[in-house]
N, C-alpha and C. Protein backbone atom coordinates (compact mmCIF):
# COMPACT_ATOMS: atom_id res chain seq x y z
N MET A 1 0.84 -1.18 0.00
CA MET A 1 0.00 0.00 0.00
C MET A 1 0.88 1.25 0.00
N ALA A 2 0.64 2.13 -0.92
CA ALA A 2 1.42 3.36 -1.02
C ALA A 2 0.82 4.44 -0.12
N ASP A 3 1.70 5.21 0.49
CA ASP A 3 1.25 6.32 1.33
C ASP A 3 1.40 7.61 0.53
N TRP A 4 0.28 8.22 0.19
CA TRP A 4 0.26 9.43 -0.64
C TRP A 4 0.30 10.72 0.17
N ALA A 5 0.28 10.64 1.48
CA ALA A 5 0.24 11.84 2.31
C ALA A 5 1.44 12.76 2.09
N PRO A 6 2.69 12.26 2.06
CA PRO A 6 3.80 13.21 1.85
C PRO A 6 3.73 13.94 0.51
N ILE A 7 3.26 13.28 -0.51
CA ILE A 7 3.19 13.90 -1.84
C ILE A 7 2.10 14.97 -1.88
N ILE A 8 0.92 14.62 -1.41
CA ILE A 8 -0.21 15.56 -1.46
C ILE A 8 0.01 16.75 -0.53
N ILE A 9 0.44 16.48 0.70
CA ILE A 9 0.67 17.55 1.66
C ILE A 9 1.83 18.43 1.19
N GLY A 10 2.88 17.82 0.66
CA GLY A 10 4.02 18.60 0.15
C GLY A 10 3.62 19.50 -1.00
N LEU A 11 2.79 19.00 -1.90
CA LEU A 11 2.33 19.81 -3.04
C LEU A 11 1.48 20.99 -2.57
N ILE A 12 0.55 20.74 -1.67
CA ILE A 12 -0.31 21.81 -1.17
C ILE A 12 0.50 22.86 -0.42
N LEU A 13 1.41 22.42 0.45
CA LEU A 13 2.22 23.38 1.21
C LEU A 13 3.19 24.14 0.30
N PHE A 14 3.70 23.48 -0.75
CA PHE A 14 4.59 24.17 -1.68
C PHE A 14 3.87 25.32 -2.36
N VAL A 15 2.64 25.10 -2.77
CA VAL A 15 1.87 26.16 -3.42
C VAL A 15 1.52 27.26 -2.42
N LEU A 16 1.11 26.89 -1.21
CA LEU A 16 0.73 27.88 -0.21
C LEU A 16 1.91 28.72 0.27
N PHE A 17 3.09 28.09 0.40
CA PHE A 17 4.25 28.79 0.94
C PHE A 17 5.24 29.26 -0.12
N SER A 18 4.84 29.35 -1.37
CA SER A 18 5.70 29.93 -2.39
C SER A 18 5.77 31.43 -2.15
N PRO A 19 6.98 31.97 -1.93
CA PRO A 19 7.09 33.40 -1.60
C PRO A 19 6.53 34.28 -2.70
N GLY A 20 5.63 35.17 -2.33
CA GLY A 20 5.07 36.13 -3.27
C GLY A 20 3.80 35.67 -3.95
N LEU A 21 3.47 34.39 -3.88
CA LEU A 21 2.27 33.91 -4.55
C LEU A 21 1.01 34.34 -3.80
N LEU A 22 0.88 33.95 -2.55
CA LEU A 22 -0.24 34.40 -1.72
C LEU A 22 0.19 35.48 -0.74
N PHE A 23 1.36 35.29 -0.15
CA PHE A 23 1.90 36.28 0.78
C PHE A 23 3.41 36.17 0.77
N GLN A 24 4.07 37.22 1.27
CA GLN A 24 5.52 37.21 1.39
C GLN A 24 5.89 37.70 2.78
N LEU A 25 6.67 36.91 3.46
CA LEU A 25 7.06 37.20 4.83
C LEU A 25 8.56 37.25 4.90
N PRO A 26 9.30 38.20 5.17
CA PRO A 26 8.94 39.61 5.28
C PRO A 26 8.79 40.23 3.89
N GLY A 27 7.96 41.23 3.80
CA GLY A 27 7.72 41.90 2.53
C GLY A 27 8.82 42.89 2.20
N LYS A 28 8.68 43.55 1.08
CA LYS A 28 9.69 44.53 0.66
C LYS A 28 9.67 45.77 1.54
N GLY A 29 8.50 46.30 1.84
CA GLY A 29 8.42 47.51 2.66
C GLY A 29 7.64 47.32 3.94
N ARG A 30 6.96 46.20 4.05
CA ARG A 30 6.13 45.92 5.22
C ARG A 30 6.48 44.53 5.76
N PRO A 31 6.02 44.21 6.96
CA PRO A 31 6.29 42.86 7.48
C PRO A 31 5.66 41.75 6.63
N VAL A 32 4.47 42.00 6.09
CA VAL A 32 3.79 41.01 5.25
C VAL A 32 3.23 41.71 4.02
N ASP A 33 3.55 41.19 2.85
CA ASP A 33 2.98 41.66 1.59
C ASP A 33 2.11 40.55 1.02
N PHE A 34 1.00 40.91 0.40
CA PHE A 34 0.09 39.94 -0.17
C PHE A 34 0.10 40.05 -1.70
N VAL A 35 0.22 38.93 -2.38
CA VAL A 35 0.15 38.78 -3.83
C VAL A 35 0.98 39.84 -4.56
N ASN A 36 2.28 39.82 -4.32
CA ASN A 36 3.12 40.80 -5.01
C ASN A 36 4.03 40.15 -6.06
N PHE A 37 4.11 38.82 -6.11
CA PHE A 37 4.90 38.07 -7.10
C PHE A 37 6.36 38.48 -7.13
N GLN A 38 6.89 38.90 -5.99
CA GLN A 38 8.31 39.22 -5.86
C GLN A 38 8.86 38.41 -4.70
N THR A 39 10.18 38.29 -4.65
CA THR A 39 10.79 37.51 -3.58
C THR A 39 12.16 38.07 -3.24
N SER A 40 12.69 37.62 -2.13
CA SER A 40 14.04 38.00 -1.71
C SER A 40 14.66 36.79 -1.03
N ALA A 41 15.95 36.87 -0.75
CA ALA A 41 16.65 35.73 -0.14
C ALA A 41 16.11 35.43 1.26
N ILE A 42 15.86 36.45 2.04
CA ILE A 42 15.35 36.24 3.40
C ILE A 42 13.93 35.68 3.35
N SER A 43 13.15 36.10 2.37
CA SER A 43 11.80 35.58 2.21
C SER A 43 11.83 34.10 1.84
N ILE A 44 12.74 33.70 0.97
CA ILE A 44 12.88 32.29 0.60
C ILE A 44 13.26 31.48 1.83
N PHE A 45 14.15 31.99 2.64
CA PHE A 45 14.57 31.29 3.85
C PHE A 45 13.42 31.13 4.84
N VAL A 46 12.67 32.19 5.08
CA VAL A 46 11.54 32.14 6.01
C VAL A 46 10.47 31.17 5.51
N HIS A 47 10.15 31.22 4.23
CA HIS A 47 9.13 30.34 3.68
C HIS A 47 9.58 28.88 3.68
N SER A 48 10.87 28.62 3.48
CA SER A 48 11.35 27.24 3.55
C SER A 48 11.30 26.71 4.97
N LEU A 49 11.56 27.56 5.97
CA LEU A 49 11.40 27.14 7.36
C LEU A 49 9.94 26.84 7.68
N LEU A 50 9.03 27.67 7.20
CA LEU A 50 7.60 27.41 7.40
C LEU A 50 7.18 26.10 6.72
N PHE A 51 7.64 25.87 5.50
CA PHE A 51 7.33 24.64 4.78
C PHE A 51 7.83 23.43 5.55
N PHE A 52 9.08 23.46 5.99
CA PHE A 52 9.64 22.35 6.74
C PHE A 52 8.89 22.12 8.05
N GLY A 53 8.57 23.19 8.76
CA GLY A 53 7.85 23.07 10.02
C GLY A 53 6.49 22.43 9.86
N PHE A 54 5.74 22.85 8.86
CA PHE A 54 4.42 22.28 8.64
C PHE A 54 4.49 20.85 8.13
N MET A 55 5.50 20.52 7.33
CA MET A 55 5.67 19.13 6.89
C MET A 55 5.94 18.23 8.09
N VAL A 56 6.79 18.68 9.00
CA VAL A 56 7.08 17.90 10.20
C VAL A 56 5.83 17.74 11.05
N ILE A 57 5.07 18.81 11.20
CA ILE A 57 3.84 18.73 12.01
C ILE A 57 2.87 17.72 11.41
N PHE A 58 2.63 17.79 10.11
CA PHE A 58 1.65 16.91 9.49
C PHE A 58 2.12 15.47 9.38
N LEU A 59 3.38 15.24 9.05
CA LEU A 59 3.84 13.89 8.77
C LEU A 59 4.42 13.17 9.99
N VAL A 60 5.06 13.90 10.89
CA VAL A 60 5.70 13.25 12.03
C VAL A 60 4.84 13.36 13.28
N ALA A 61 4.39 14.57 13.60
CA ALA A 61 3.65 14.76 14.85
C ALA A 61 2.22 14.21 14.77
N ILE A 62 1.51 14.54 13.71
CA ILE A 62 0.10 14.11 13.56
C ILE A 62 0.03 12.73 12.90
N LYS A 63 1.05 12.36 12.11
CA LYS A 63 1.11 11.09 11.38
C LYS A 63 -0.07 10.90 10.42
N VAL A 64 -0.21 11.86 9.51
CA VAL A 64 -1.25 11.79 8.50
C VAL A 64 -0.87 10.74 7.46
N HIS A 65 -1.81 9.86 7.13
CA HIS A 65 -1.59 8.82 6.12
C HIS A 65 -2.77 8.81 5.16
N ILE A 66 -2.47 8.75 3.88
CA ILE A 66 -3.49 8.64 2.85
C ILE A 66 -3.13 7.40 2.04
N GLY A 67 -3.89 6.33 2.23
CA GLY A 67 -3.60 5.07 1.56
C GLY A 67 -4.34 4.94 0.25
N SER A 68 -3.81 4.09 -0.62
CA SER A 68 -4.48 3.83 -1.90
C SER A 68 -4.91 2.36 -1.94
N GLY A 69 -6.05 2.12 -1.40
CA GLY A 69 -6.60 0.77 -1.48
C GLY A 69 -6.70 0.10 -0.22
């Protein structure tokens, strides 16, 4: 049985935490910018930490499993 949880959760979190797509933390002139389609090195670092943290929460702490069959 294949576990699809890491793939599906990773895809959703990747889209949600792409810097500049929905929000950017920290923004160019403000702490948070929404839908600006721009990025910076610090923003990439912050968003990758958020992505890693949420992946750990969903896959290790909560142990989400999505089976196929």
